[in-house]
PDB file of N, CA and C in Angstrom:
ATOM      1  N   MET A   1      -0.125 -11.037  -9.048  1.00  0.00           N
ATOM      2  CA  MET A   1       0.891 -10.099  -8.743  1.00  0.00           C
ATOM      3  C   MET A   1       0.210  -8.764  -8.246  1.00  0.00           C
ATOM      4  N   ILE A   2       0.737  -8.192  -7.163  1.00  0.00           N
ATOM      5  CA  ILE A   2       0.294  -6.970  -6.666  1.00  0.00           C
ATOM      6  C   ILE A   2       1.465  -5.889  -6.653  1.00  0.00           C
ATOM      7  N   SER A   3       1.208  -4.754  -7.243  1.00  0.00           N
ATOM      8  CA  SER A   3       2.184  -3.737  -7.146  1.00  0.00           C
ATOM      9  C   SER A   3       1.500  -2.354  -6.545  1.00  0.00           C
ATOM     10  N   THR A   4       2.317  -1.525  -6.072  1.00  0.00           N
ATOM     11  CA  THR A   4       1.817  -0.250  -5.488  1.00  0.00           C
ATOM     12  C   THR A   4       2.721   0.927  -5.855  1.00  0.00           C
ATOM     13  N   HIS A   5       2.167   2.125  -5.675  1.00  0.00           N
ATOM     14  CA  HIS A   5       2.913   3.292  -5.939  1.00  0.00           C
ATOM     15  C   HIS A   5       2.312   4.379  -4.959  1.00  0.00           C
ATOM     16  N   VAL A   6       3.167   5.082  -4.201  1.00  0.00           N
ATOM     17  CA  VAL A   6       2.770   5.969  -3.245  1.00  0.00           C
ATOM     18  C   VAL A   6       3.301   7.371  -3.619  1.00  0.00           C
ATOM     19  N   LEU A   7       2.355   8.306  -3.744  1.00  0.00           N
ATOM     20  CA  LEU A   7       2.729   9.762  -4.176  1.00  0.00           C
ATOM     21  C   LEU A   7       2.351  10.584  -2.906  1.00  0.00           C
ATOM     22  N   ASP A   8       3.360  11.474  -2.482  1.00  0.00           N
ATOM     23  CA  ASP A   8       3.086  12.407  -1.484  1.00  0.00           C
ATOM     24  C   ASP A   8       2.514  13.684  -2.167  1.00  0.00           C
ATOM     25  N   THR A   9       1.219  13.839  -2.139  1.00  0.00           N
ATOM     26  CA  THR A   9       0.576  14.956  -2.815  1.00  0.00           C
ATOM     27  C   THR A   9       0.867  16.338  -2.054  1.00  0.00           C
ATOM     28  N   SER A  10       1.233  16.286  -0.836  1.00  0.00           N
ATOM     29  CA  SER A  10       1.612  17.600  -0.142  1.00  0.00           C
ATOM     30  C   SER A  10       2.910  18.162  -0.673  1.00  0.00           C
ATOM     31  N   ARG A  11       3.790  17.272  -1.178  1.00  0.00           N
ATOM     32  CA  ARG A  11       5.047  17.764  -1.683  1.00  0.00           C
ATOM     33  C   ARG A  11       5.139  17.623  -3.238  1.00  0.00           C
ATOM     34  N   GLY A  12       4.148  16.863  -3.820  1.00  0.00           N
ATOM     35  CA  GLY A  12       4.113  16.679  -5.231  1.00  0.00           C
ATOM     36  C   GLY A  12       5.270  15.843  -5.649  1.00  0.00           C
ATOM     37  N   GLU A  13       5.605  14.818  -4.872  1.00  0.00           N
ATOM     38  CA  GLU A  13       6.735  13.932  -5.163  1.00  0.00           C
ATOM     39  C   GLU A  13       6.349  12.520  -4.820  1.00  0.00           C
ATOM     40  N   PRO A  14       7.152  11.518  -5.351  1.00  0.00           N
ATOM     41  CA  PRO A  14       6.994  10.179  -4.834  1.00  0.00           C
ATOM     42  C   PRO A  14       7.281  10.112  -3.362  1.00  0.00           C
ATOM     43  N   ALA A  15       6.581   9.218  -2.679  1.00  0.00           N
ATOM     44  CA  ALA A  15       6.850   8.995  -1.246  1.00  0.00           C
ATOM     45  C   ALA A  15       7.839   7.804  -1.112  1.00  0.00           C
ATOM     46  N   ARG A  16       9.128   8.198  -0.854  1.00  0.00           N
ATOM     47  CA  ARG A  16      10.204   7.186  -0.758  1.00  0.00           C
ATOM     48  C   ARG A  16      10.312   6.726   0.742  1.00  0.00           C
ATOM     49  N   GLY A  17      10.455   5.389   0.920  1.00  0.00           N
ATOM     50  CA  GLY A  17      10.655   4.832   2.275  1.00  0.00           C
ATOM     51  C   GLY A  17       9.440   4.496   3.050  1.00  0.00           C
ATOM     52  N   VAL A  18       8.327   4.368   2.398  1.00  0.00           N
ATOM     53  CA  VAL A  18       7.046   3.989   2.976  1.00  0.00           C
ATOM     54  C   VAL A  18       6.987   2.407   3.137  1.00  0.00           C
ATOM     55  N   THR A  19       6.948   1.911   4.332  1.00  0.00           N
ATOM     56  CA  THR A  19       6.835   0.522   4.551  1.00  0.00           C
ATOM     57  C   THR A  19       5.406   0.096   4.253  1.00  0.00           C
ATOM     58  N   VAL A  20       5.226  -0.987   3.444  1.00  0.00           N
ATOM     59  CA  VAL A  20       3.979  -1.526   3.105  1.00  0.00           C
ATOM     60  C   VAL A  20       3.955  -3.036   3.395  1.00  0.00           C
ATOM     61  N   GLN A  21       2.798  -3.437   4.040  1.00  0.00           N
ATOM     62  CA  GLN A  21       2.686  -4.978   4.330  1.00  0.00           C
ATOM     63  C   GLN A  21       1.478  -5.402   3.476  1.00  0.00           C
ATOM     64  N   LEU A  22       1.474  -6.598   3.027  1.00  0.00           N
ATOM     65  CA  LEU A  22       0.370  -7.289   2.384  1.00  0.00           C
ATOM     66  C   LEU A  22      -0.098  -8.416   3.273  1.00  0.00           C
ATOM     67  N   PHE A  23      -1.375  -8.416   3.597  1.00  0.00           N
ATOM     68  CA  PHE A  23      -2.016  -9.474   4.412  1.00  0.00           C
ATOM     69  C   PHE A  23      -3.159 -10.085   3.600  1.00  0.00           C
ATOM     70  N   ARG A  24      -3.300 -11.465   3.844  1.00  0.00           N
ATOM     71  CA  ARG A  24      -4.521 -12.100   3.330  1.00  0.00           C
ATOM     72  C   ARG A  24      -5.427 -12.213   4.585  1.00  0.00           C
ATOM     73  N   ILE A  25      -6.709 -11.906   4.410  1.00  0.00           N
ATOM     74  CA  ILE A  25      -7.734 -11.922   5.480  1.00  0.00           C
ATOM     75  C   ILE A  25      -8.445 -13.200   5.360  1.00  0.00           C
ATOM     76  N   ASP A  26      -8.460 -13.944   6.486  1.00  0.00           N
ATOM     77  CA  ASP A  26      -9.336 -15.182   6.626  1.00  0.00           C
ATOM     78  C   ASP A  26     -10.097 -15.059   7.911  1.00  0.00           C
ATOM     79  N   GLY A  27     -11.386 -14.640   7.708  1.00  0.00           N
ATOM     80  CA  GLY A  27     -12.254 -14.406   8.893  1.00  0.00           C
ATOM     81  C   GLY A  27     -11.707 -13.219   9.686  1.00  0.00           C
ATOM     82  N   ASP A  28     -11.426 -13.431  11.002  1.00  0.00           N
ATOM     83  CA  ASP A  28     -10.931 -12.403  11.854  1.00  0.00           C
ATOM     84  C   ASP A  28      -9.404 -12.395  11.804  1.00  0.00           C
ATOM     85  N   ALA A  29      -8.790 -13.419  11.191  1.00  0.00           N
ATOM     86  CA  ALA A  29      -7.327 -13.552  11.175  1.00  0.00           C
ATOM     87  C   ALA A  29      -6.762 -12.931   9.929  1.00  0.00           C
ATOM     88  N   ARG A  30      -5.485 -12.519  10.039  1.00  0.00           N
ATOM     89  CA  ARG A  30      -4.783 -12.065   8.831  1.00  0.00           C
ATOM     90  C   ARG A  30      -3.490 -12.648   8.782  1.00  0.00           C
ATOM     91  N   LYS A  31      -3.014 -12.998   7.598  1.00  0.00           N
ATOM     92  CA  LYS A  31      -1.718 -13.705   7.419  1.00  0.00           C
ATOM     93  C   LYS A  31      -0.791 -12.812   6.599  1.00  0.00           C
ATOM     94  N   LEU A  32       0.377 -12.473   7.150  1.00  0.00           N
ATOM     95  CA  LEU A  32       1.341 -11.579   6.439  1.00  0.00           C
ATOM     96  C   LEU A  32       1.871 -12.455   5.229  1.00  0.00           C
ATOM     97  N   LEU A  33       1.747 -11.817   4.062  1.00  0.00           N
ATOM     98  CA  LEU A  33       2.323 -12.466   2.835  1.00  0.00           C
ATOM     99  C   LEU A  33       3.654 -11.772   2.396  1.00  0.00           C
ATOM    100  N   ALA A  34       3.755 -10.520   2.539  1.00  0.00           N
ATOM    101  CA  ALA A  34       4.920  -9.769   2.054  1.00  0.00           C
ATOM    102  C   ALA A  34       5.075  -8.432   2.751  1.00  0.00           C
ATOM    103  N   THR A  35       6.279  -7.920   2.768  1.00  0.00           N
ATOM    104  CA  THR A  35       6.594  -6.635   3.304  1.00  0.00           C
ATOM    105  C   THR A  35       7.631  -5.944   2.327  1.00  0.00           C
ATOM    106  N   GLY A  36       7.423  -4.638   2.084  1.00  0.00           N
ATOM    107  CA  GLY A  36       8.305  -3.958   1.194  1.00  0.00           C
ATOM    108  C   GLY A  36       8.397  -2.488   1.545  1.00  0.00           C
ATOM    109  N   GLU A  37       9.261  -1.768   0.886  1.00  0.00           N
ATOM    110  CA  GLU A  37       9.535  -0.385   1.168  1.00  0.00           C
ATOM    111  C   GLU A  37       9.559   0.349  -0.200  1.00  0.00           C
ATOM    112  N   THR A  38       8.846   1.406  -0.301  1.00  0.00           N
ATOM    113  CA  THR A  38       8.834   2.202  -1.562  1.00  0.00           C
ATOM    114  C   THR A  38      10.213   2.737  -1.931  1.00  0.00           C
ATOM    115  N   ASP A  39      10.576   2.672  -3.190  1.00  0.00           N
ATOM    116  CA  ASP A  39      11.869   3.124  -3.678  1.00  0.00           C
ATOM    117  C   ASP A  39      11.829   4.627  -4.056  1.00  0.00           C
ATOM    118  N   ALA A  40      12.797   5.136  -4.618  1.00  0.00           N
ATOM    119  CA  ALA A  40      12.966   6.592  -4.876  1.00  0.00           C
ATOM    120  C   ALA A  40      11.790   7.131  -5.747  1.00  0.00           C
ATOM    121  N   ASP A  41      11.163   6.196  -6.502  1.00  0.00           N
ATOM    122  CA  ASP A  41      10.083   6.578  -7.349  1.00  0.00           C
ATOM    123  C   ASP A  41       8.748   6.326  -6.654  1.00  0.00           C
ATOM    124  N   GLY A  42       8.750   5.938  -5.371  1.00  0.00           N
ATOM    125  CA  GLY A  42       7.498   5.698  -4.602  1.00  0.00           C
ATOM    126  C   GLY A  42       6.864   4.337  -4.925  1.00  0.00           C
ATOM    127  N   ARG A  43       7.607   3.455  -5.513  1.00  0.00           N
ATOM    128  CA  ARG A  43       7.070   2.222  -6.065  1.00  0.00           C
ATOM    129  C   ARG A  43       7.516   0.974  -5.314  1.00  0.00           C
ATOM    130  N   ILE A  44       6.682  -0.002  -5.289  1.00  0.00           N
ATOM    131  CA  ILE A  44       7.047  -1.415  -4.953  1.00  0.00           C
ATOM    132  C   ILE A  44       6.458  -2.250  -6.117  1.00  0.00           C
ATOM    133  N   ALA A  45       7.384  -2.725  -6.918  1.00  0.00           N
ATOM    134  CA  ALA A  45       6.792  -3.389  -8.066  1.00  0.00           C
ATOM    135  C   ALA A  45       7.561  -4.771  -8.282  1.00  0.00           C
ATOM    136  N   PRO A  46       6.947  -5.862  -7.968  1.00  0.00           N
ATOM    137  CA  PRO A  46       5.724  -6.017  -7.120  1.00  0.00           C
ATOM    138  C   PRO A  46       6.068  -6.276  -5.708  1.00  0.00           C
ATOM    139  N   ILE A  47       5.050  -5.957  -4.865  1.00  0.00           N
ATOM    140  CA  ILE A  47       5.226  -6.316  -3.446  1.00  0.00           C
ATOM    141  C   ILE A  47       4.977  -7.861  -3.309  1.00  0.00           C
ATOM    142  N   PHE A  48       4.113  -8.345  -4.149  1.00  0.00           N
ATOM    143  CA  PHE A  48       3.818  -9.842  -4.105  1.00  0.00           C
ATOM    144  C   PHE A  48       3.828 -10.330  -5.558  1.00  0.00           C
ATOM    145  N   ALA A  49       4.620 -11.317  -5.945  1.00  0.00           N
ATOM    146  CA  ALA A  49       4.774 -11.869  -7.372  1.00  0.00           C
ATOM    147  C   ALA A  49       4.058 -13.223  -7.464  1.00  0.00           C
ATOM    148  N   GLY A  50       3.523 -13.782  -6.454  1.00  0.00           N
ATOM    149  CA  GLY A  50       2.951 -15.118  -6.465  1.00  0.00           C
ATOM    150  C   GLY A  50       1.581 -15.165  -7.042  1.00  0.00           C
ATOM    151  N   GLU A  51       1.007 -16.316  -7.061  1.00  0.00           N
ATOM    152  CA  GLU A  51      -0.325 -16.499  -7.522  1.00  0.00           C
ATOM    153  C   GLU A  51      -1.296 -15.953  -6.417  1.00  0.00           C
ATOM    154  N   LEU A  52      -2.366 -15.255  -6.892  1.00  0.00           N
ATOM    155  CA  LEU A  52      -3.316 -14.734  -5.903  1.00  0.00           C
ATOM    156  C   LEU A  52      -4.599 -15.590  -5.990  1.00  0.00           C
ATOM    157  N   GLU A  53      -4.978 -16.068  -4.817  1.00  0.00           N
ATOM    158  CA  GLU A  53      -6.261 -16.844  -4.735  1.00  0.00           C
ATOM    159  C   GLU A  53      -7.417 -15.831  -4.540  1.00  0.00           C
ATOM    160  N   ALA A  54      -8.550 -16.296  -4.891  1.00  0.00           N
ATOM    161  CA  ALA A  54      -9.771 -15.444  -4.568  1.00  0.00           C
ATOM    162  C   ALA A  54      -9.898 -15.254  -3.098  1.00  0.00           C
ATOM    163  N   ALA A  55      -9.752 -14.075  -2.636  1.00  0.00           N
ATOM    164  CA  ALA A  55      -9.763 -13.885  -1.185  1.00  0.00           C
ATOM    165  C   ALA A  55      -9.758 -12.310  -0.916  1.00  0.00           C
ATOM    166  N   THR A  56      -9.890 -11.960   0.341  1.00  0.00           N
ATOM    167  CA  THR A  56      -9.766 -10.577   0.727  1.00  0.00           C
ATOM    168  C   THR A  56      -8.322 -10.304   1.242  1.00  0.00           C
ATOM    169  N   TYR A  57      -7.848  -9.203   0.757  1.00  0.00           N
ATOM    170  CA  TYR A  57      -6.518  -8.831   1.179  1.00  0.00           C
ATOM    171  C   TYR A  57      -6.426  -7.373   1.744  1.00  0.00           C
ATOM    172  N   VAL A  58      -5.350  -7.012   2.443  1.00  0.00           N
ATOM    173  CA  VAL A  58      -5.108  -5.633   2.861  1.00  0.00           C
ATOM    174  C   VAL A  58      -3.612  -5.243   2.650  1.00  0.00           C
ATOM    175  N   LEU A  59      -3.489  -4.077   2.005  1.00  0.00           N
ATOM    176  CA  LEU A  59      -2.224  -3.469   1.938  1.00  0.00           C
ATOM    177  C   LEU A  59      -2.205  -2.432   3.114  1.00  0.00           C
ATOM    178  N   LEU A  60      -1.267  -2.458   3.938  1.00  0.00           N
ATOM    179  CA  LEU A  60      -1.135  -1.679   5.186  1.00  0.00           C
ATOM    180  C   LEU A  60       0.067  -0.760   4.958  1.00  0.00           C
ATOM    181  N   PHE A  61      -0.252   0.603   4.757  1.00  0.00           N
ATOM    182  CA  PHE A  61       0.853   1.627   4.510  1.00  0.00           C
ATOM    183  C   PHE A  61       1.131   2.311   5.791  1.00  0.00           C
ATOM    184  N   SER A  62       2.424   2.317   6.136  1.00  0.00           N
ATOM    185  CA  SER A  62       2.974   3.002   7.375  1.00  0.00           C
ATOM    186  C   SER A  62       3.155   4.496   7.068  1.00  0.00           C
ATOM    187  N   ALA A  63       2.065   5.243   6.938  1.00  0.00           N
ATOM    188  CA  ALA A  63       2.113   6.679   6.609  1.00  0.00           C
ATOM    189  C   ALA A  63       2.622   7.494   7.816  1.00  0.00           C
ATOM    190  N   GLY A  64       2.338   7.141   9.004  1.00  0.00           N
ATOM    191  CA  GLY A  64       2.855   7.976  10.163  1.00  0.00           C
ATOM    192  C   GLY A  64       4.298   7.990  10.275  1.00  0.00           C
ATOM    193  N   ALA A  65       4.905   6.795  10.190  1.00  0.00           N
ATOM    194  CA  ALA A  65       6.401   6.734  10.189  1.00  0.00           C
ATOM    195  C   ALA A  65       7.055   7.500   9.048  1.00  0.00           C
ATOM    196  N   TYR A  66       6.404   7.439   7.903  1.00  0.00           N
ATOM    197  CA  TYR A  66       6.967   8.222   6.744  1.00  0.00           C
ATOM    198  C   TYR A  66       6.943   9.711   7.031  1.00  0.00           C
ATOM    199  N   PHE A  67       5.798  10.247   7.552  1.00  0.00           N
ATOM    200  CA  PHE A  67       5.752  11.624   7.826  1.00  0.00           C
ATOM    201  C   PHE A  67       6.620  12.058   8.979  1.00  0.00           C
ATOM    202  N   ARG A  68       6.546  11.379  10.016  1.00  0.00           N
ATOM    203  CA  ARG A  68       7.373  11.605  11.253  1.00  0.00           C
ATOM    204  C   ARG A  68       8.900  11.675  10.886  1.00  0.00           C
ATOM    205  N   GLY A  69       9.274  10.710   9.923  1.00  0.00           N
ATOM    206  CA  GLY A  69      10.681  10.789   9.465  1.00  0.00           C
ATOM    207  C   GLY A  69      11.099  12.021   8.808  1.00  0.00           C
ATOM    208  N   GLY A  70      10.174  12.727   8.285  1.00  0.00           N
ATOM    209  CA  GLY A  70      10.347  14.083   7.619  1.00  0.00           C
ATOM    210  C   GLY A  70      10.102  15.233   8.473  1.00  0.00           C
ATOM    211  N   GLY A  71       9.702  14.957   9.789  1.00  0.00           N
ATOM    212  CA  GLY A  71       9.369  16.000  10.684  1.00  0.00           C
ATOM    213  C   GLY A  71       8.018  16.661  10.392  1.00  0.00           C
ATOM    214  N   VAL A  72       7.036  15.861   9.821  1.00  0.00           N
ATOM    215  CA  VAL A  72       5.755  16.454   9.465  1.00  0.00           C
ATOM    216  C   VAL A  72       4.670  15.771  10.283  1.00  0.00           C
ATOM    217  N   ALA A  73       3.831  16.614  10.959  1.00  0.00           N
ATOM    218  CA  ALA A  73       2.691  16.140  11.726  1.00  0.00           C
ATOM    219  C   ALA A  73       1.680  15.504  10.729  1.00  0.00           C
ATOM    220  N   THR A  74       1.064  14.440  11.262  1.00  0.00           N
ATOM    221  CA  THR A  74       0.129  13.701  10.448  1.00  0.00           C
ATOM    222  C   THR A  74      -0.985  13.192  11.291  1.00  0.00           C
ATOM    223  N   PHE A  75      -2.187  12.971  10.687  1.00  0.00           N
ATOM    224  CA  PHE A  75      -3.327  12.439  11.412  1.00  0.00           C
ATOM    225  C   PHE A  75      -3.425  10.882  11.326  1.00  0.00           C
ATOM    226  N   PHE A  76      -2.949  10.338  10.231  1.00  0.00           N
ATOM    227  CA  PHE A  76      -3.009   8.870   9.934  1.00  0.00           C
ATOM    228  C   PHE A  76      -1.639   8.213  10.393  1.00  0.00           C
ATOM    229  N   ASP A  77      -1.787   7.133  11.173  1.00  0.00           N
ATOM    230  CA  ASP A  77      -0.598   6.361  11.500  1.00  0.00           C
ATOM    231  C   ASP A  77      -0.363   5.303  10.449  1.00  0.00           C
ATOM    232  N   GLU A  78      -1.398   4.419  10.319  1.00  0.00           N
ATOM    233  CA  GLU A  78      -1.375   3.337   9.327  1.00  0.00           C
ATOM    234  C   GLU A  78      -2.625   3.436   8.457  1.00  0.00           C
ATOM    235  N   ILE A  79      -2.464   3.180   7.173  1.00  0.00           N
ATOM    236  CA  ILE A  79      -3.576   3.285   6.249  1.00  0.00           C
ATOM    237  C   ILE A  79      -3.876   1.860   5.681  1.00  0.00           C
ATOM    238  N   PRO A  80      -4.982   1.230   6.032  1.00  0.00           N
ATOM    239  CA  PRO A  80      -5.239  -0.090   5.485  1.00  0.00           C
ATOM    240  C   PRO A  80      -6.151   0.078   4.244  1.00  0.00           C
ATOM    241  N   VAL A  81      -5.726  -0.557   3.174  1.00  0.00           N
ATOM    242  CA  VAL A  81      -6.496  -0.606   1.926  1.00  0.00           C
ATOM    243  C   VAL A  81      -6.900  -2.052   1.767  1.00  0.00           C
ATOM    244  N   ARG A  82      -8.211  -2.288   2.098  1.00  0.00           N
ATOM    245  CA  ARG A  82      -8.752  -3.602   1.941  1.00  0.00           C
ATOM    246  C   ARG A  82      -9.425  -3.807   0.655  1.00  0.00           C
ATOM    247  N   PHE A  83      -9.199  -5.016   0.014  1.00  0.00           N
ATOM    248  CA  PHE A  83      -9.759  -5.216  -1.295  1.00  0.00           C
ATOM    249  C   PHE A  83      -9.991  -6.692  -1.515  1.00  0.00           C
ATOM    250  N   VAL A  84     -10.783  -6.997  -2.454  1.00  0.00           N
ATOM    251  CA  VAL A  84     -11.202  -8.379  -2.764  1.00  0.00           C
ATOM    252  C   VAL A  84     -10.727  -8.726  -4.167  1.00  0.00           C
ATOM    253  N   ILE A  85     -10.127  -9.944  -4.285  1.00  0.00           N
ATOM    254  CA  ILE A  85      -9.675 -10.440  -5.500  1.00  0.00           C
ATOM    255  C   ILE A  85     -10.495 -11.626  -5.823  1.00  0.00           C
ATOM    256  N   GLU A  86     -11.038 -11.490  -7.049  1.00  0.00           N
ATOM    257  CA  GLU A  86     -11.871 -12.676  -7.606  1.00  0.00           C
ATOM    258  C   GLU A  86     -11.055 -13.302  -8.638  1.00  0.00           C
ATOM    259  N   ARG A  87     -11.402 -14.459  -9.028  1.00  0.00           N
ATOM    260  CA  ARG A  87     -10.693 -15.147 -10.124  1.00  0.00           C
ATOM    261  C   ARG A  87     -10.821 -14.417 -11.386  1.00  0.00           C
ATOM    262  N   GLY A  88      -9.756 -14.500 -12.263  1.00  0.00           N
ATOM    263  CA  GLY A  88      -9.768 -13.905 -13.601  1.00  0.00           C
ATOM    264  C   GLY A  88      -8.611 -13.064 -13.864  1.00  0.00           C
ATOM    265  N   LEU A  89      -8.143 -12.216 -13.060  1.00  0.00           N
ATOM    266  CA  LEU A  89      -7.013 -11.360 -13.276  1.00  0.00           C
ATOM    267  C   LEU A  89      -5.826 -11.789 -12.510  1.00  0.00           C
ATOM    268  N   SER A  90      -4.632 -11.545 -13.078  1.00  0.00           N
ATOM    269  CA  SER A  90      -3.417 -11.971 -12.446  1.00  0.00           C
ATOM    270  C   SER A  90      -2.515 -10.745 -11.956  1.00  0.00           C
ATOM    271  N   LYS A  91      -2.919  -9.554 -12.450  1.00  0.00           N
ATOM    272  CA  LYS A  91      -2.106  -8.353 -11.980  1.00  0.00           C
ATOM    273  C   LYS A  91      -2.987  -7.288 -11.440  1.00  0.00           C
ATOM    274  N   TYR A  92      -2.574  -6.786 -10.249  1.00  0.00           N
ATOM    275  CA  TYR A  92      -3.338  -5.790  -9.566  1.00  0.00           C
ATOM    276  C   TYR A  92      -2.326  -4.631  -9.253  1.00  0.00           C
ATOM    277  N   HIS A  93      -2.699  -3.401  -9.482  1.00  0.00           N
ATOM    278  CA  HIS A  93      -1.877  -2.170  -9.122  1.00  0.00           C
ATOM    279  C   HIS A  93      -2.737  -1.325  -8.250  1.00  0.00           C
ATOM    280  N   ILE A  94      -2.245  -1.096  -7.009  1.00  0.00           N
ATOM    281  CA  ILE A  94      -3.076  -0.321  -6.028  1.00  0.00           C
ATOM    282  C   ILE A  94      -2.266   0.872  -5.565  1.00  0.00           C
ATOM    283  N   PRO A  95      -2.464   2.109  -6.199  1.00  0.00           N
ATOM    284  CA  PRO A  95      -1.682   3.224  -5.866  1.00  0.00           C
ATOM    285  C   PRO A  95      -2.291   4.004  -4.552  1.00  0.00           C
ATOM    286  N   LEU A  96      -1.482   4.748  -3.895  1.00  0.00           N
ATOM    287  CA  LEU A  96      -2.009   5.572  -2.767  1.00  0.00           C
ATOM    288  C   LEU A  96      -1.460   7.016  -2.909  1.00  0.00           C
ATOM    289  N   LEU A  97      -2.445   7.950  -2.918  1.00  0.00           N
ATOM    290  CA  LEU A  97      -2.113   9.332  -2.988  1.00  0.00           C
ATOM    291  C   LEU A  97      -2.170   9.785  -1.568  1.00  0.00           C
ATOM    292  N   LEU A  98      -1.063  10.286  -0.987  1.00  0.00           N
ATOM    293  CA  LEU A  98      -0.911  10.559   0.453  1.00  0.00           C
ATOM    294  C   LEU A  98      -0.637  11.928   0.837  1.00  0.00           C
ATOM    295  N   ALA A  99      -1.319  12.418   1.865  1.00  0.00           N
ATOM    296  CA  ALA A  99      -0.933  13.759   2.380  1.00  0.00           C
ATOM    297  C   ALA A  99      -1.023  13.624   3.923  1.00  0.00           C
ATOM    298  N   PRO A 100      -0.521  14.592   4.712  1.00  0.00           N
ATOM    299  CA  PRO A 100      -0.625  14.368   6.197  1.00  0.00           C
ATOM    300  C   PRO A 100      -2.007  14.267   6.723  1.00  0.00           C
ATOM    301  N   PHE A 101      -3.022  14.876   6.102  1.00  0.00           N
ATOM    302  CA  PHE A 101      -4.307  14.770   6.682  1.00  0.00           C
ATOM    303  C   PHE A 101      -5.415  14.246   5.797  1.00  0.00           C
ATOM    304  N   GLY A 102      -5.016  13.481   4.755  1.00  0.00           N
ATOM    305  CA  GLY A 102      -5.851  12.824   3.865  1.00  0.00           C
ATOM    306  C   GLY A 102      -5.158  11.902   2.894  1.00  0.00           C
ATOM    307  N   TYR A 103      -5.988  11.019   2.261  1.00  0.00           N
ATOM    308  CA  TYR A 103      -5.395  10.103   1.319  1.00  0.00           C
ATOM    309  C   TYR A 103      -6.516   9.622   0.385  1.00  0.00           C
ATOM    310  N   SER A 104      -6.067   9.093  -0.719  1.00  0.00           N
ATOM    311  CA  SER A 104      -7.015   8.582  -1.716  1.00  0.00           C
ATOM    312  C   SER A 104      -6.330   7.380  -2.392  1.00  0.00           C
ATOM    313  N   THR A 105      -7.152   6.368  -2.831  1.00  0.00           N
ATOM    314  CA  THR A 105      -6.611   5.188  -3.536  1.00  0.00           C
ATOM    315  C   THR A 105      -7.497   4.791  -4.591  1.00  0.00           C
ATOM    316  N   TYR A 106      -7.083   3.927  -5.448  1.00  0.00           N
ATOM    317  CA  TYR A 106      -7.932   3.440  -6.561  1.00  0.00           C
ATOM    318  C   TYR A 106      -7.276   2.177  -7.078  1.00  0.00           C
ATOM    319  N   ARG A 107      -7.998   1.506  -7.959  1.00  0.00           N
ATOM    320  CA  ARG A 107      -7.484   0.329  -8.655  1.00  0.00           C
ATOM    321  C   ARG A 107      -6.864   0.795  -9.962  1.00  0.00           C
ATOM    322  N   GLY A 108      -5.531   0.741 -10.033  1.00  0.00           N
ATOM    323  CA  GLY A 108      -4.794   1.170 -11.216  1.00  0.00           C
ATOM    324  C   GLY A 108      -4.691   0.086 -12.211  1.00  0.00           C
ATOM    325  N   SER A 109      -3.873   0.372 -13.186  1.00  0.00           N
ATOM    326  CA  SER A 109      -3.685  -0.597 -14.324  1.00  0.00           C
ATOM    327  C   SER A 109      -2.192  -0.936 -14.345  1.00  0.00           C
TER     328      SER A 109
END
């Protein structure tokens, strides 16, 4: 299972309405596994509830559309967060701290 949480640090609030896509990476190809949109609390829980194989994945956050929707200029259009899942865990939480000209992410719990 993969969940995510997006916080707009420029406003100090959850980022509602951010489209997020989950892809599995196979060499140069990527396969879309799921698409979701953050709720009023900035969460998608879970964006993917199936079994996760050991592989490389990408969460793609549509930050540009989110900021443009609020009339805010931004540097980042899409933010890819690429990560590797190895066997052993079944739950992954990947938050994104977002601002118009910067972002940060980490592996949450």
